[in-house]
Amino acid sequence: MNPLFARFFRAVYRKEPVSGFILILGATDALIGGLDGSGGLLSVGLFIALLGIIMRWRQGDKKHREIAPEPVKNFLHTGYTRQPLAI
């Protein structure tokens, strides 16, 4: 295997393995369909590759939209003083 392809596959799988698998599967189908002259396999491969790209884009969006922690609310009155317990 070409070292360039190995580096590409590692970069794709490292971030999101599921979407990377779908992307590479679709690209492989499209490549086989394009070289073989099969229009159906080419279109299915392009659709699957597009699905993998969309999944990766959506998963990347979720990481960037982290929920900011809410500030701590003080439910006690500002003039509240703690009274010692009577025995």
PDB file of N, CA and C in Angstrom:
ATOM      1  N   MET A   1       0.849  -1.170   0.000  1.00  0.00           N
ATOM      2  CA  MET A   1       0.000   0.000   0.000  1.00  0.00           C
ATOM      3  C   MET A   1       0.897   1.236   0.000  1.00  0.00           C
ATOM      4  N   ASN A   2       0.500   2.198  -0.740  1.00  0.00           N
ATOM      5  CA  ASN A   2       1.220   3.445  -0.841  1.00  0.00           C
ATOM      6  C   ASN A   2       1.207   4.163   0.520  1.00  0.00           C
ATOM      7  N   PRO A   3       2.331   4.706   0.978  1.00  0.00           N
ATOM      8  CA  PRO A   3       2.348   5.404   2.275  1.00  0.00           C
ATOM      9  C   PRO A   3       1.401   6.595   2.317  1.00  0.00           C
ATOM     10  N   LEU A   4       1.165   7.202   1.157  1.00  0.00           N
ATOM     11  CA  LEU A   4       0.229   8.330   1.120  1.00  0.00           C
ATOM     12  C   LEU A   4      -1.191   7.861   1.435  1.00  0.00           C
ATOM     13  N   PHE A   5      -1.586   6.708   0.869  1.00  0.00           N
ATOM     14  CA  PHE A   5      -2.909   6.164   1.160  1.00  0.00           C
ATOM     15  C   PHE A   5      -3.022   5.760   2.624  1.00  0.00           C
ATOM     16  N   ALA A   6      -1.983   5.171   3.165  1.00  0.00           N
ATOM     17  CA  ALA A   6      -2.001   4.765   4.570  1.00  0.00           C
ATOM     18  C   ALA A   6      -2.164   5.980   5.483  1.00  0.00           C
ATOM     19  N   ARG A   7      -1.490   7.052   5.171  1.00  0.00           N
ATOM     20  CA  ARG A   7      -1.617   8.277   5.965  1.00  0.00           C
ATOM     21  C   ARG A   7      -3.031   8.848   5.854  1.00  0.00           C
ATOM     22  N   PHE A   8      -3.599   8.792   4.635  1.00  0.00           N
ATOM     23  CA  PHE A   8      -4.962   9.292   4.416  1.00  0.00           C
ATOM     24  C   PHE A   8      -5.967   8.466   5.216  1.00  0.00           C
ATOM     25  N   PHE A   9      -5.843   7.133   5.171  1.00  0.00           N
ATOM     26  CA  PHE A   9      -6.769   6.281   5.897  1.00  0.00           C
ATOM     27  C   PHE A   9      -6.672   6.503   7.405  1.00  0.00           C
ATOM     28  N   ARG A  10      -5.466   6.656   7.913  1.00  0.00           N
ATOM     29  CA  ARG A  10      -5.305   6.921   9.355  1.00  0.00           C
ATOM     30  C   ARG A  10      -5.935   8.245   9.743  1.00  0.00           C
ATOM     31  N   ALA A  11      -5.768   9.256   8.901  1.00  0.00           N
ATOM     32  CA  ALA A  11      -6.350  10.564   9.209  1.00  0.00           C
ATOM     33  C   ALA A  11      -7.872  10.509   9.186  1.00  0.00           C
ATOM     34  N   VAL A  12      -8.438   9.736   8.278  1.00  0.00           N
ATOM     35  CA  VAL A  12      -9.891   9.627   8.188  1.00  0.00           C
ATOM     36  C   VAL A  12     -10.446   8.856   9.378  1.00  0.00           C
ATOM     37  N   TYR A  13      -9.834   7.737   9.738  1.00  0.00           N
ATOM     38  CA  TYR A  13     -10.353   6.892  10.810  1.00  0.00           C
ATOM     39  C   TYR A  13     -10.075   7.447  12.201  1.00  0.00           C
ATOM     40  N   ARG A  14      -9.047   8.247  12.355  1.00  0.00           N
ATOM     41  CA  ARG A  14      -8.651   8.694  13.689  1.00  0.00           C
ATOM     42  C   ARG A  14      -9.741   9.535  14.344  1.00  0.00           C
ATOM     43  N   LYS A  15     -10.356  10.437  13.597  1.00  0.00           N
ATOM     44  CA  LYS A  15     -11.328  11.349  14.196  1.00  0.00           C
ATOM     45  C   LYS A  15     -12.665  10.674  14.474  1.00  0.00           C
ATOM     46  N   GLU A  16     -13.272  10.139  13.447  1.00  0.00           N
ATOM     47  CA  GLU A  16     -14.579   9.494  13.567  1.00  0.00           C
ATOM     48  C   GLU A  16     -14.566   8.196  12.785  1.00  0.00           C
ATOM     49  N   PRO A  17     -14.429   7.048  13.450  1.00  0.00           N
ATOM     50  CA  PRO A  17     -14.282   5.793  12.716  1.00  0.00           C
ATOM     51  C   PRO A  17     -15.513   5.396  11.895  1.00  0.00           C
ATOM     52  N   VAL A  18     -16.712   5.644  12.396  1.00  0.00           N
ATOM     53  CA  VAL A  18     -17.917   5.211  11.685  1.00  0.00           C
ATOM     54  C   VAL A  18     -18.116   6.022  10.412  1.00  0.00           C
ATOM     55  N   SER A  19     -18.056   7.331  10.528  1.00  0.00           N
ATOM     56  CA  SER A  19     -18.240   8.158   9.330  1.00  0.00           C
ATOM     57  C   SER A  19     -17.067   7.980   8.361  1.00  0.00           C
ATOM     58  N   GLY A  20     -15.887   7.723   8.882  1.00  0.00           N
ATOM     59  CA  GLY A  20     -14.736   7.464   8.016  1.00  0.00           C
ATOM     60  C   GLY A  20     -14.910   6.182   7.225  1.00  0.00           C
ATOM     61  N   PHE A  21     -15.451   5.147   7.874  1.00  0.00           N
ATOM     62  CA  PHE A  21     -15.708   3.891   7.179  1.00  0.00           C
ATOM     63  C   PHE A  21     -16.735   4.083   6.071  1.00  0.00           C
ATOM     64  N   ILE A  22     -17.808   4.812   6.374  1.00  0.00           N
ATOM     65  CA  ILE A  22     -18.849   5.048   5.372  1.00  0.00           C
ATOM     66  C   ILE A  22     -18.302   5.876   4.216  1.00  0.00           C
ATOM     67  N   LEU A  23     -17.488   6.864   4.517  1.00  0.00           N
ATOM     68  CA  LEU A  23     -16.899   7.698   3.474  1.00  0.00           C
ATOM     69  C   LEU A  23     -15.985   6.884   2.563  1.00  0.00           C
ATOM     70  N   ILE A  24     -15.123   6.063   3.133  1.00  0.00           N
ATOM     71  CA  ILE A  24     -14.203   5.259   2.326  1.00  0.00           C
ATOM     72  C   ILE A  24     -14.958   4.179   1.552  1.00  0.00           C
ATOM     73  N   LEU A  25     -15.991   3.603   2.153  1.00  0.00           N
ATOM     74  CA  LEU A  25     -16.806   2.614   1.451  1.00  0.00           C
ATOM     75  C   LEU A  25     -17.472   3.233   0.228  1.00  0.00           C
ATOM     76  N   GLY A  26     -18.052   4.421   0.401  1.00  0.00           N
ATOM     77  CA  GLY A  26     -18.696   5.089  -0.720  1.00  0.00           C
ATOM     78  C   GLY A  26     -17.714   5.502  -1.802  1.00  0.00           C
ATOM     79  N   ALA A  27     -16.552   5.984  -1.397  1.00  0.00           N
ATOM     80  CA  ALA A  27     -15.539   6.381  -2.380  1.00  0.00           C
ATOM     81  C   ALA A  27     -15.034   5.166  -3.157  1.00  0.00           C
ATOM     82  N   THR A  28     -14.894   4.033  -2.474  1.00  0.00           N
ATOM     83  CA  THR A  28     -14.454   2.813  -3.160  1.00  0.00           C
ATOM     84  C   THR A  28     -15.505   2.342  -4.152  1.00  0.00           C
ATOM     85  N   ASP A  29     -16.772   2.352  -3.757  1.00  0.00           N
ATOM     86  CA  ASP A  29     -17.849   1.970  -4.679  1.00  0.00           C
ATOM     87  C   ASP A  29     -17.889   2.896  -5.884  1.00  0.00           C
ATOM     88  N   ALA A  30     -17.738   4.198  -5.641  1.00  0.00           N
ATOM     89  CA  ALA A  30     -17.765   5.155  -6.750  1.00  0.00           C
ATOM     90  C   ALA A  30     -16.574   4.936  -7.682  1.00  0.00           C
ATOM     91  N   LEU A  31     -15.430   4.639  -7.121  1.00  0.00           N
ATOM     92  CA  LEU A  31     -14.246   4.399  -7.943  1.00  0.00           C
ATOM     93  C   LEU A  31     -14.403   3.145  -8.797  1.00  0.00           C
ATOM     94  N   ILE A  32     -14.908   2.075  -8.181  1.00  0.00           N
ATOM     95  CA  ILE A  32     -15.126   0.831  -8.937  1.00  0.00           C
ATOM     96  C   ILE A  32     -16.192   1.045 -10.011  1.00  0.00           C
ATOM     97  N   GLY A  33     -17.266   1.742  -9.646  1.00  0.00           N
ATOM     98  CA  GLY A  33     -18.323   2.003 -10.618  1.00  0.00           C
ATOM     99  C   GLY A  33     -17.869   2.897 -11.746  1.00  0.00           C
ATOM    100  N   GLY A  34     -17.009   3.861 -11.462  1.00  0.00           N
ATOM    101  CA  GLY A  34     -16.515   4.758 -12.500  1.00  0.00           C
ATOM    102  C   GLY A  34     -15.544   4.076 -13.442  1.00  0.00           C
ATOM    103  N   LEU A  35     -14.676   3.238 -12.897  1.00  0.00           N
ATOM    104  CA  LEU A  35     -13.701   2.545 -13.738  1.00  0.00           C
ATOM    105  C   LEU A  35     -14.338   1.412 -14.543  1.00  0.00           C
ATOM    106  N   ASP A  36     -15.336   0.772 -13.961  1.00  0.00           N
ATOM    107  CA  ASP A  36     -15.982  -0.357 -14.615  1.00  0.00           C
ATOM    108  C   ASP A  36     -17.057   0.097 -15.610  1.00  0.00           C
ATOM    109  N   GLY A  37     -17.489   1.330 -15.487  1.00  0.00           N
ATOM    110  CA  GLY A  37     -18.525   1.827 -16.380  1.00  0.00           C
ATOM    111  C   GLY A  37     -19.926   1.528 -15.888  1.00  0.00           C
ATOM    112  N   SER A  38     -20.059   1.158 -14.637  1.00  0.00           N
ATOM    113  CA  SER A  38     -21.367   0.863 -14.058  1.00  0.00           C
ATOM    114  C   SER A  38     -21.920   2.137 -13.420  1.00  0.00           C
ATOM    115  N   GLY A  39     -22.915   2.705 -14.062  1.00  0.00           N
ATOM    116  CA  GLY A  39     -23.485   3.957 -13.570  1.00  0.00           C
ATOM    117  C   GLY A  39     -24.213   3.804 -12.252  1.00  0.00           C
ATOM    118  N   GLY A  40     -24.844   2.646 -12.058  1.00  0.00           N
ATOM    119  CA  GLY A  40     -25.569   2.422 -10.814  1.00  0.00           C
ATOM    120  C   GLY A  40     -24.635   2.370  -9.618  1.00  0.00           C
ATOM    121  N   LEU A  41     -23.534   1.640  -9.746  1.00  0.00           N
ATOM    122  CA  LEU A  41     -22.576   1.542  -8.646  1.00  0.00           C
ATOM    123  C   LEU A  41     -21.900   2.890  -8.393  1.00  0.00           C
ATOM    124  N   LEU A  42     -21.658   3.624  -9.462  1.00  0.00           N
ATOM    125  CA  LEU A  42     -21.060   4.955  -9.307  1.00  0.00           C
ATOM    126  C   LEU A  42     -21.992   5.877  -8.531  1.00  0.00           C
ATOM    127  N   SER A  43     -23.278   5.881  -8.884  1.00  0.00           N
ATOM    128  CA  SER A  43     -24.214   6.778  -8.196  1.00  0.00           C
ATOM    129  C   SER A  43     -24.443   6.347  -6.750  1.00  0.00           C
ATOM    130  N   VAL A  44     -24.527   5.039  -6.502  1.00  0.00           N
ATOM    131  CA  VAL A  44     -24.683   4.566  -5.124  1.00  0.00           C
ATOM    132  C   VAL A  44     -23.440   4.917  -4.309  1.00  0.00           C
ATOM    133  N   GLY A  45     -22.254   4.752  -4.901  1.00  0.00           N
ATOM    134  CA  GLY A  45     -21.019   5.094  -4.203  1.00  0.00           C
ATOM    135  C   GLY A  45     -20.928   6.567  -3.878  1.00  0.00           C
ATOM    136  N   LEU A  46     -21.326   7.411  -4.826  1.00  0.00           N
ATOM    137  CA  LEU A  46     -21.309   8.851  -4.568  1.00  0.00           C
ATOM    138  C   LEU A  46     -22.304   9.226  -3.474  1.00  0.00           C
ATOM    139  N   PHE A  47     -23.470   8.584  -3.480  1.00  0.00           N
ATOM    140  CA  PHE A  47     -24.465   8.845  -2.439  1.00  0.00           C
ATOM    141  C   PHE A  47     -23.949   8.426  -1.070  1.00  0.00           C
ATOM    142  N   ILE A  48     -23.330   7.256  -0.973  1.00  0.00           N
ATOM    143  CA  ILE A  48     -22.807   6.778   0.304  1.00  0.00           C
ATOM    144  C   ILE A  48     -21.653   7.666   0.777  1.00  0.00           C
ATOM    145  N   ALA A  49     -20.787   8.096  -0.148  1.00  0.00           N
ATOM    146  CA  ALA A  49     -19.684   8.986   0.226  1.00  0.00           C
ATOM    147  C   ALA A  49     -20.228  10.325   0.717  1.00  0.00           C
ATOM    148  N   LEU A  50     -21.267  10.824   0.069  1.00  0.00           N
ATOM    149  CA  LEU A  50     -21.893  12.075   0.510  1.00  0.00           C
ATOM    150  C   LEU A  50     -22.501  11.901   1.894  1.00  0.00           C
ATOM    151  N   LEU A  51     -23.104  10.751   2.140  1.00  0.00           N
ATOM    152  CA  LEU A  51     -23.661  10.464   3.458  1.00  0.00           C
ATOM    153  C   LEU A  51     -22.566  10.461   4.531  1.00  0.00           C
ATOM    154  N   GLY A  52     -21.407   9.874   4.209  1.00  0.00           N
ATOM    155  CA  GLY A  52     -20.286   9.878   5.154  1.00  0.00           C
ATOM    156  C   GLY A  52     -19.765  11.277   5.430  1.00  0.00           C
ATOM    157  N   ILE A  53     -19.714  12.110   4.396  1.00  0.00           N
ATOM    158  CA  ILE A  53     -19.272  13.501   4.578  1.00  0.00           C
ATOM    159  C   ILE A  53     -20.252  14.263   5.454  1.00  0.00           C
ATOM    160  N   ILE A  54     -21.548  14.065   5.222  1.00  0.00           N
ATOM    161  CA  ILE A  54     -22.559  14.747   6.030  1.00  0.00           C
ATOM    162  C   ILE A  54     -22.488  14.282   7.479  1.00  0.00           C
ATOM    163  N   MET A  55     -22.299  12.979   7.700  1.00  0.00           N
ATOM    164  CA  MET A  55     -22.177  12.481   9.073  1.00  0.00           C
ATOM    165  C   MET A  55     -20.974  13.093   9.775  1.00  0.00           C
ATOM    166  N   ARG A  56     -19.855  13.158   9.081  1.00  0.00           N
ATOM    167  CA  ARG A  56     -18.653  13.740   9.678  1.00  0.00           C
ATOM    168  C   ARG A  56     -18.867  15.222   9.999  1.00  0.00           C
ATOM    169  N   TRP A  57     -19.541  15.928   9.102  1.00  0.00           N
ATOM    170  CA  TRP A  57     -19.794  17.355   9.318  1.00  0.00           C
ATOM    171  C   TRP A  57     -20.705  17.556  10.522  1.00  0.00           C
ATOM    172  N   ARG A  58     -21.755  16.719  10.643  1.00  0.00           N
ATOM    173  CA  ARG A  58     -22.683  16.838  11.763  1.00  0.00           C
ATOM    174  C   ARG A  58     -22.008  16.487  13.093  1.00  0.00           C
ATOM    175  N   GLN A  59     -21.153  15.470  13.092  1.00  0.00           N
ATOM    176  CA  GLN A  59     -20.461  15.094  14.317  1.00  0.00           C
ATOM    177  C   GLN A  59     -19.461  16.162  14.727  1.00  0.00           C
ATOM    178  N   GLY A  60     -18.844  16.818  13.774  1.00  0.00           N
ATOM    179  CA  GLY A  60     -17.928  17.905  14.085  1.00  0.00           C
ATOM    180  C   GLY A  60     -18.655  19.105  14.652  1.00  0.00           C
ATOM    181  N   ASP A  61     -19.877  19.341  14.177  1.00  0.00           N
ATOM    182  CA  ASP A  61     -20.684  20.444  14.693  1.00  0.00           C
ATOM    183  C   ASP A  61     -21.030  20.238  16.153  1.00  0.00           C
ATOM    184  N   LYS A  62     -21.341  19.009  16.543  1.00  0.00           N
ATOM    185  CA  LYS A  62     -21.720  18.732  17.921  1.00  0.00           C
ATOM    186  C   LYS A  62     -20.575  19.001  18.886  1.00  0.00           C
ATOM    187  N   LYS A  63     -19.359  18.744  18.446  1.00  0.00           N
ATOM    188  CA  LYS A  63     -18.209  18.983  19.324  1.00  0.00           C
ATOM    189  C   LYS A  63     -17.984  20.473  19.546  1.00  0.00           C
ATOM    190  N   HIS A  64     -18.275  21.273  18.533  1.00  0.00           N
ATOM    191  CA  HIS A  64     -18.036  22.707  18.650  1.00  0.00           C
ATOM    192  C   HIS A  64     -19.142  23.413  19.417  1.00  0.00           C
ATOM    193  N   ARG A  65     -20.311  22.806  19.485  1.00  0.00           N
ATOM    194  CA  ARG A  65     -21.430  23.424  20.190  1.00  0.00           C
ATOM    195  C   ARG A  65     -21.536  22.886  21.604  1.00  0.00           C
ATOM    196  N   GLU A  66     -20.485  23.001  22.350  1.00  0.00           N
ATOM    197  CA  GLU A  66     -20.526  22.532  23.734  1.00  0.00           C
ATOM    198  C   GLU A  66     -21.385  23.486  24.551  1.00  0.00           C
ATOM    199  N   ILE A  67     -22.118  22.917  25.477  1.00  0.00           N
ATOM    200  CA  ILE A  67     -23.012  23.718  26.303  1.00  0.00           C
ATOM    201  C   ILE A  67     -22.187  24.438  27.362  1.00  0.00           C
ATOM    202  N   ALA A  68     -22.377  25.730  27.432  1.00  0.00           N
ATOM    203  CA  ALA A  68     -21.662  26.513  28.436  1.00  0.00           C
ATOM    204  C   ALA A  68     -22.278  26.230  29.803  1.00  0.00           C
ATOM    205  N   PRO A  69     -21.448  26.073  30.822  1.00  0.00           N
ATOM    206  CA  PRO A  69     -22.009  25.813  32.157  1.00  0.00           C
ATOM    207  C   PRO A  69     -22.774  27.032  32.661  1.00  0.00           C
ATOM    208  N   GLU A  70     -23.890  26.755  33.310  1.00  0.00           N
ATOM    209  CA  GLU A  70     -24.704  27.845  33.847  1.00  0.00           C
ATOM    210  C   GLU A  70     -24.028  28.407  35.094  1.00  0.00           C
ATOM    211  N   PRO A  71     -24.165  29.694  35.289  1.00  0.00           N
ATOM    212  CA  PRO A  71     -23.580  30.260  36.514  1.00  0.00           C
ATOM    213  C   PRO A  71     -24.328  29.750  37.743  1.00  0.00           C
ATOM    214  N   VAL A  72     -23.618  29.655  38.853  1.00  0.00           N
ATOM    215  CA  VAL A  72     -24.206  29.160  40.088  1.00  0.00           C
ATOM    216  C   VAL A  72     -25.157  30.212  40.628  1.00  0.00           C
ATOM    217  N   LYS A  73     -26.376  29.781  40.921  1.00  0.00           N
ATOM    218  CA  LYS A  73     -27.381  30.708  41.441  1.00  0.00           C
ATOM    219  C   LYS A  73     -27.354  30.661  42.963  1.00  0.00           C
ATOM    220  N   ASN A  74     -27.444  31.804  43.549  1.00  0.00           N
ATOM    221  CA  ASN A  74     -27.472  31.905  44.998  1.00  0.00           C
ATOM    222  C   ASN A  74     -28.928  31.978  45.422  1.00  0.00           C
ATOM    223  N   PHE A  75     -29.435  30.892  46.002  1.00  0.00           N
ATOM    224  CA  PHE A  75     -30.828  30.862  46.414  1.00  0.00           C
ATOM    225  C   PHE A  75     -31.026  31.456  47.800  1.00  0.00           C
ATOM    226  N   LEU A  76     -29.955  31.712  48.493  1.00  0.00           N
ATOM    227  CA  LEU A  76     -30.057  32.289  49.827  1.00  0.00           C
ATOM    228  C   LEU A  76     -30.168  33.805  49.714  1.00  0.00           C
ATOM    229  N   HIS A  77     -30.815  34.384  50.685  1.00  0.00           N
ATOM    230  CA  HIS A  77     -30.931  35.839  50.702  1.00  0.00           C
ATOM    231  C   HIS A  77     -29.565  36.446  50.972  1.00  0.00           C
ATOM    232  N   THR A  78     -29.355  37.633  50.513  1.00  0.00           N
ATOM    233  CA  THR A  78     -28.054  38.258  50.701  1.00  0.00           C
ATOM    234  C   THR A  78     -27.799  38.610  52.157  1.00  0.00           C
ATOM    235  N   GLY A  79     -28.830  38.873  52.917  1.00  0.00           N
ATOM    236  CA  GLY A  79     -28.657  39.228  54.325  1.00  0.00           C
ATOM    237  C   GLY A  79     -28.770  38.029  55.252  1.00  0.00           C
ATOM    238  N   TYR A  80     -28.707  36.830  54.723  1.00  0.00           N
ATOM    239  CA  TYR A  80     -28.872  35.615  55.524  1.00  0.00           C
ATOM    240  C   TYR A  80     -27.605  35.372  56.341  1.00  0.00           C
ATOM    241  N   THR A  81     -27.804  35.173  57.626  1.00  0.00           N
ATOM    242  CA  THR A  81     -26.694  34.776  58.509  1.00  0.00           C
ATOM    243  C   THR A  81     -27.066  33.449  59.135  1.00  0.00           C
ATOM    244  N   ARG A  82     -26.098  32.608  59.270  1.00  0.00           N
ATOM    245  CA  ARG A  82     -26.337  31.271  59.806  1.00  0.00           C
ATOM    246  C   ARG A  82     -26.450  31.353  61.338  1.00  0.00           C
ATOM    247  N   GLN A  83     -27.542  30.810  61.833  1.00  0.00           N
ATOM    248  CA  GLN A  83     -27.787  30.817  63.287  1.00  0.00           C
ATOM    249  C   GLN A  83     -27.245  29.509  63.873  1.00  0.00           C
ATOM    250  N   PRO A  84     -26.566  29.571  65.016  1.00  0.00           N
ATOM    251  CA  PRO A  84     -26.106  28.330  65.641  1.00  0.00           C
ATOM    252  C   PRO A  84     -27.292  27.521  66.146  1.00  0.00           C
ATOM    253  N   LEU A  85     -27.154  26.203  66.118  1.00  0.00           N
ATOM    254  CA  LEU A  85     -28.223  25.332  66.576  1.00  0.00           C
ATOM    255  C   LEU A  85     -28.298  25.349  68.104  1.00  0.00           C
ATOM    256  N   ALA A  86     -29.524  25.367  68.615  1.00  0.00           N
ATOM    257  CA  ALA A  86     -29.715  25.363  70.074  1.00  0.00           C
ATOM    258  C   ALA A  86     -29.716  23.921  70.555  1.00  0.00           C
ATOM    259  N   ILE A  87     -29.059  23.712  71.681  1.00  0.00           N
ATOM    260  CA  ILE A  87     -28.968  22.357  72.218  1.00  0.00           C
ATOM    261  C   ILE A  87     -30.036  22.137  73.244  1.00  0.00           C
TER     262      ILE A  87
END
